[in-house]
Amino acid sequence: MKMTNETIFIRSPKRHNYSIIDNTCLRDPNLSWKAKGLFAYLLSLPDDWQIYQKDLVNRATDGDTSLRSGIIELEKAGI
């Protein structure tokens, strides 16, 4: 039996609670997965959402230092 690293993704139709975002940032090979995930999360928030670093730290397992480095990475990329 030959083992592979292949992952199967099952997609289901979405009718609510989803986001449509531009793939440009997500496909940028110069950005880390951390920065891409942070970017996608921020775009999923309502347009009038007030973003605070302290609040973001409480919404994931990354600590303050990790979050800040992701923000800096996005800023340096001009995103």
N, C-alpha and C. Protein backbone atom coordinates (compact mmCIF):
# COMPACT_ATOMS: atom_id res chain seq x y z
N MET A 1 0.84 -1.18 0.00
CA MET A 1 0.00 0.00 0.00
C MET A 1 0.89 1.24 0.00
N LYS A 2 0.62 2.14 -0.93
CA LYS A 2 1.41 3.35 -1.04
C LYS A 2 0.72 4.49 -0.28
N MET A 3 1.45 5.15 0.60
CA MET A 3 0.92 6.26 1.38
C MET A 3 1.19 7.57 0.64
N THR A 4 0.24 8.50 0.70
CA THR A 4 0.43 9.82 0.10
C THR A 4 0.08 10.89 1.13
N ASN A 5 0.48 12.09 0.85
CA ASN A 5 0.14 13.23 1.70
C ASN A 5 -1.07 13.96 1.16
N GLU A 6 -1.85 13.29 0.37
CA GLU A 6 -3.00 13.91 -0.27
C GLU A 6 -4.13 14.13 0.74
N THR A 7 -4.69 15.32 0.72
CA THR A 7 -5.81 15.68 1.58
C THR A 7 -7.04 15.86 0.71
N ILE A 8 -8.15 15.35 1.18
CA ILE A 8 -9.39 15.48 0.44
C ILE A 8 -10.25 16.54 1.14
N PHE A 9 -10.68 17.54 0.37
CA PHE A 9 -11.55 18.58 0.90
C PHE A 9 -12.95 18.36 0.35
N ILE A 10 -13.92 18.34 1.23
CA ILE A 10 -15.31 18.20 0.82
C ILE A 10 -15.95 19.57 0.98
N ARG A 11 -16.43 20.12 -0.12
CA ARG A 11 -17.06 21.43 -0.08
C ARG A 11 -18.57 21.27 -0.09
N SER A 12 -19.22 22.08 0.71
CA SER A 12 -20.67 22.06 0.74
C SER A 12 -21.18 23.46 0.42
N PRO A 13 -22.38 23.54 -0.16
CA PRO A 13 -22.93 24.86 -0.49
C PRO A 13 -23.13 25.70 0.76
N LYS A 14 -22.82 26.98 0.66
CA LYS A 14 -22.98 27.90 1.78
C LYS A 14 -24.13 28.85 1.48
N ARG A 15 -25.01 29.02 2.45
CA ARG A 15 -26.14 29.93 2.29
C ARG A 15 -26.06 31.11 3.26
N HIS A 16 -25.27 30.97 4.34
CA HIS A 16 -25.13 32.05 5.31
C HIS A 16 -23.83 31.85 6.09
N ASN A 17 -23.40 32.90 6.77
CA ASN A 17 -22.20 32.87 7.60
C ASN A 17 -20.94 32.48 6.82
N TYR A 18 -20.71 33.14 5.69
CA TYR A 18 -19.51 32.91 4.91
C TYR A 18 -19.00 34.23 4.36
N SER A 19 -17.78 34.24 3.86
CA SER A 19 -17.17 35.46 3.31
C SER A 19 -16.67 35.19 1.91
N ILE A 20 -16.74 36.20 1.08
CA ILE A 20 -16.14 36.15 -0.25
C ILE A 20 -15.01 37.18 -0.22
N ILE A 21 -13.79 36.71 -0.48
CA ILE A 21 -12.64 37.62 -0.43
C ILE A 21 -11.78 37.46 -1.67
N ASP A 22 -11.01 38.48 -1.96
CA ASP A 22 -10.06 38.47 -3.07
C ASP A 22 -8.95 37.47 -2.73
N ASN A 23 -8.61 36.62 -3.66
CA ASN A 23 -7.59 35.59 -3.43
C ASN A 23 -6.15 36.09 -3.57
N THR A 24 -5.97 37.33 -4.00
CA THR A 24 -4.61 37.84 -4.26
C THR A 24 -3.70 37.66 -3.05
N CYS A 25 -4.13 38.12 -1.90
CA CYS A 25 -3.32 38.00 -0.69
C CYS A 25 -3.11 36.54 -0.31
N LEU A 26 -4.17 35.75 -0.41
CA LEU A 26 -4.08 34.35 0.01
C LEU A 26 -3.12 33.54 -0.86
N ARG A 27 -2.92 33.96 -2.08
CA ARG A 27 -2.03 33.23 -3.00
C ARG A 27 -0.64 33.85 -3.10
N ASP A 28 -0.38 34.85 -2.30
CA ASP A 28 0.93 35.52 -2.31
C ASP A 28 1.96 34.63 -1.61
N PRO A 29 2.95 34.12 -2.34
CA PRO A 29 3.93 33.22 -1.74
C PRO A 29 4.88 33.92 -0.77
N ASN A 30 4.86 35.25 -0.75
CA ASN A 30 5.74 36.00 0.15
C ASN A 30 5.14 36.20 1.54
N LEU A 31 3.89 35.77 1.73
CA LEU A 31 3.23 35.92 3.03
C LEU A 31 3.15 34.58 3.74
N SER A 32 3.28 34.62 5.05
CA SER A 32 3.17 33.40 5.86
C SER A 32 1.71 32.98 5.96
N TRP A 33 1.49 31.75 6.37
CA TRP A 33 0.13 31.26 6.60
C TRP A 33 -0.51 32.07 7.71
N LYS A 34 0.27 32.47 8.69
CA LYS A 34 -0.26 33.27 9.80
C LYS A 34 -0.84 34.58 9.28
N ALA A 35 -0.07 35.27 8.43
CA ALA A 35 -0.53 36.56 7.89
C ALA A 35 -1.76 36.36 7.00
N LYS A 36 -1.76 35.31 6.20
CA LYS A 36 -2.91 35.04 5.33
C LYS A 36 -4.17 34.75 6.14
N GLY A 37 -4.02 33.97 7.20
CA GLY A 37 -5.17 33.64 8.05
C GLY A 37 -5.69 34.87 8.77
N LEU A 38 -4.78 35.70 9.27
CA LEU A 38 -5.18 36.93 9.94
C LEU A 38 -5.91 37.85 8.97
N PHE A 39 -5.38 37.98 7.77
CA PHE A 39 -6.01 38.80 6.73
C PHE A 39 -7.43 38.31 6.43
N ALA A 40 -7.58 37.01 6.23
CA ALA A 40 -8.90 36.44 5.93
C ALA A 40 -9.86 36.68 7.09
N TYR A 41 -9.38 36.50 8.33
CA TYR A 41 -10.24 36.73 9.49
C TYR A 41 -10.69 38.18 9.56
N LEU A 42 -9.76 39.11 9.37
CA LEU A 42 -10.11 40.53 9.44
C LEU A 42 -11.14 40.89 8.37
N LEU A 43 -11.01 40.32 7.18
CA LEU A 43 -11.98 40.60 6.12
C LEU A 43 -13.35 39.98 6.42
N SER A 44 -13.39 38.99 7.29
CA SER A 44 -14.67 38.35 7.62
C SER A 44 -15.50 39.18 8.61
N LEU A 45 -14.86 40.17 9.23
CA LEU A 45 -15.56 41.00 10.20
C LEU A 45 -16.45 42.03 9.49
N PRO A 46 -17.50 42.48 10.15
CA PRO A 46 -18.36 43.51 9.55
C PRO A 46 -17.56 44.78 9.23
N ASP A 47 -18.00 45.52 8.23
CA ASP A 47 -17.31 46.74 7.80
C ASP A 47 -17.16 47.76 8.91
N ASP A 48 -18.10 47.82 9.82
CA ASP A 48 -18.05 48.83 10.89
C ASP A 48 -17.40 48.30 12.18
N TRP A 49 -16.78 47.15 12.12
CA TRP A 49 -16.16 46.54 13.30
C TRP A 49 -14.95 47.35 13.72
N GLN A 50 -14.84 47.64 15.00
CA GLN A 50 -13.67 48.32 15.55
C GLN A 50 -12.65 47.24 15.92
N ILE A 51 -11.48 47.30 15.34
CA ILE A 51 -10.46 46.26 15.55
C ILE A 51 -9.46 46.73 16.60
N TYR A 52 -9.32 45.92 17.64
CA TYR A 52 -8.36 46.18 18.71
C TYR A 52 -7.47 44.95 18.86
N GLN A 53 -6.16 45.20 18.97
CA GLN A 53 -5.20 44.10 19.09
C GLN A 53 -5.53 43.22 20.29
N LYS A 54 -5.89 43.81 21.41
CA LYS A 54 -6.20 43.05 22.62
C LYS A 54 -7.40 42.12 22.38
N ASP A 55 -8.39 42.60 21.64
CA ASP A 55 -9.56 41.78 21.31
C ASP A 55 -9.16 40.61 20.40
N LEU A 56 -8.31 40.89 19.40
CA LEU A 56 -7.87 39.83 18.49
C LEU A 56 -7.11 38.73 19.23
N VAL A 57 -6.28 39.12 20.19
CA VAL A 57 -5.53 38.14 20.98
C VAL A 57 -6.47 37.18 21.68
N ASN A 58 -7.61 37.67 22.13
CA ASN A 58 -8.57 36.83 22.84
C ASN A 58 -9.39 35.92 21.92
N ARG A 59 -9.27 36.10 20.63
CA ARG A 59 -10.09 35.33 19.68
C ARG A 59 -9.35 34.15 19.05
N ALA A 60 -8.10 33.91 19.46
CA ALA A 60 -7.33 32.79 18.90
C ALA A 60 -6.28 32.35 19.91
N THR A 61 -5.59 31.27 19.60
CA THR A 61 -4.60 30.72 20.53
C THR A 61 -3.24 31.41 20.44
N ASP A 62 -3.00 32.18 19.37
CA ASP A 62 -1.74 32.91 19.25
C ASP A 62 -1.65 33.95 20.34
N GLY A 63 -0.48 34.22 20.78
CA GLY A 63 -0.29 35.26 21.77
C GLY A 63 -0.11 36.62 21.12
N ASP A 64 0.11 37.61 21.95
CA ASP A 64 0.27 38.98 21.49
C ASP A 64 1.44 39.15 20.53
N THR A 65 2.56 38.51 20.82
CA THR A 65 3.75 38.63 19.97
C THR A 65 3.49 38.05 18.59
N SER A 66 2.85 36.89 18.53
CA SER A 66 2.54 36.26 17.25
C SER A 66 1.58 37.12 16.44
N LEU A 67 0.55 37.63 17.10
CA LEU A 67 -0.42 38.48 16.41
C LEU A 67 0.27 39.72 15.87
N ARG A 68 1.07 40.35 16.68
CA ARG A 68 1.76 41.58 16.26
C ARG A 68 2.67 41.31 15.07
N SER A 69 3.36 40.17 15.04
CA SER A 69 4.24 39.88 13.91
C SER A 69 3.42 39.66 12.63
N GLY A 70 2.23 39.08 12.75
CA GLY A 70 1.36 38.92 11.58
C GLY A 70 0.88 40.26 11.07
N ILE A 71 0.53 41.17 11.98
CA ILE A 71 0.11 42.52 11.60
C ILE A 71 1.24 43.26 10.90
N ILE A 72 2.43 43.17 11.45
CA ILE A 72 3.61 43.84 10.85
C ILE A 72 3.88 43.28 9.46
N GLU A 73 3.75 41.97 9.31
CA GLU A 73 3.98 41.34 8.01
C GLU A 73 2.99 41.89 6.97
N LEU A 74 1.73 41.99 7.35
CA LEU A 74 0.71 42.53 6.43
C LEU A 74 0.98 44.00 6.12
N GLU A 75 1.39 44.76 7.12
CA GLU A 75 1.71 46.17 6.90
C GLU A 75 2.88 46.32 5.93
N LYS A 76 3.93 45.52 6.11
CA LYS A 76 5.11 45.58 5.23
C LYS A 76 4.75 45.20 3.80
N ALA A 77 3.76 44.32 3.64
CA ALA A 77 3.33 43.92 2.31
C ALA A 77 2.36 44.93 1.69
N GLY A 78 2.01 45.94 2.48
CA GLY A 78 1.12 46.98 1.97
C GLY A 78 -0.34 46.57 1.95
N ILE A 79 -0.67 45.62 2.82
CA ILE A 79 -2.05 45.11 2.85
C ILE A 79 -2.79 45.73 4.03
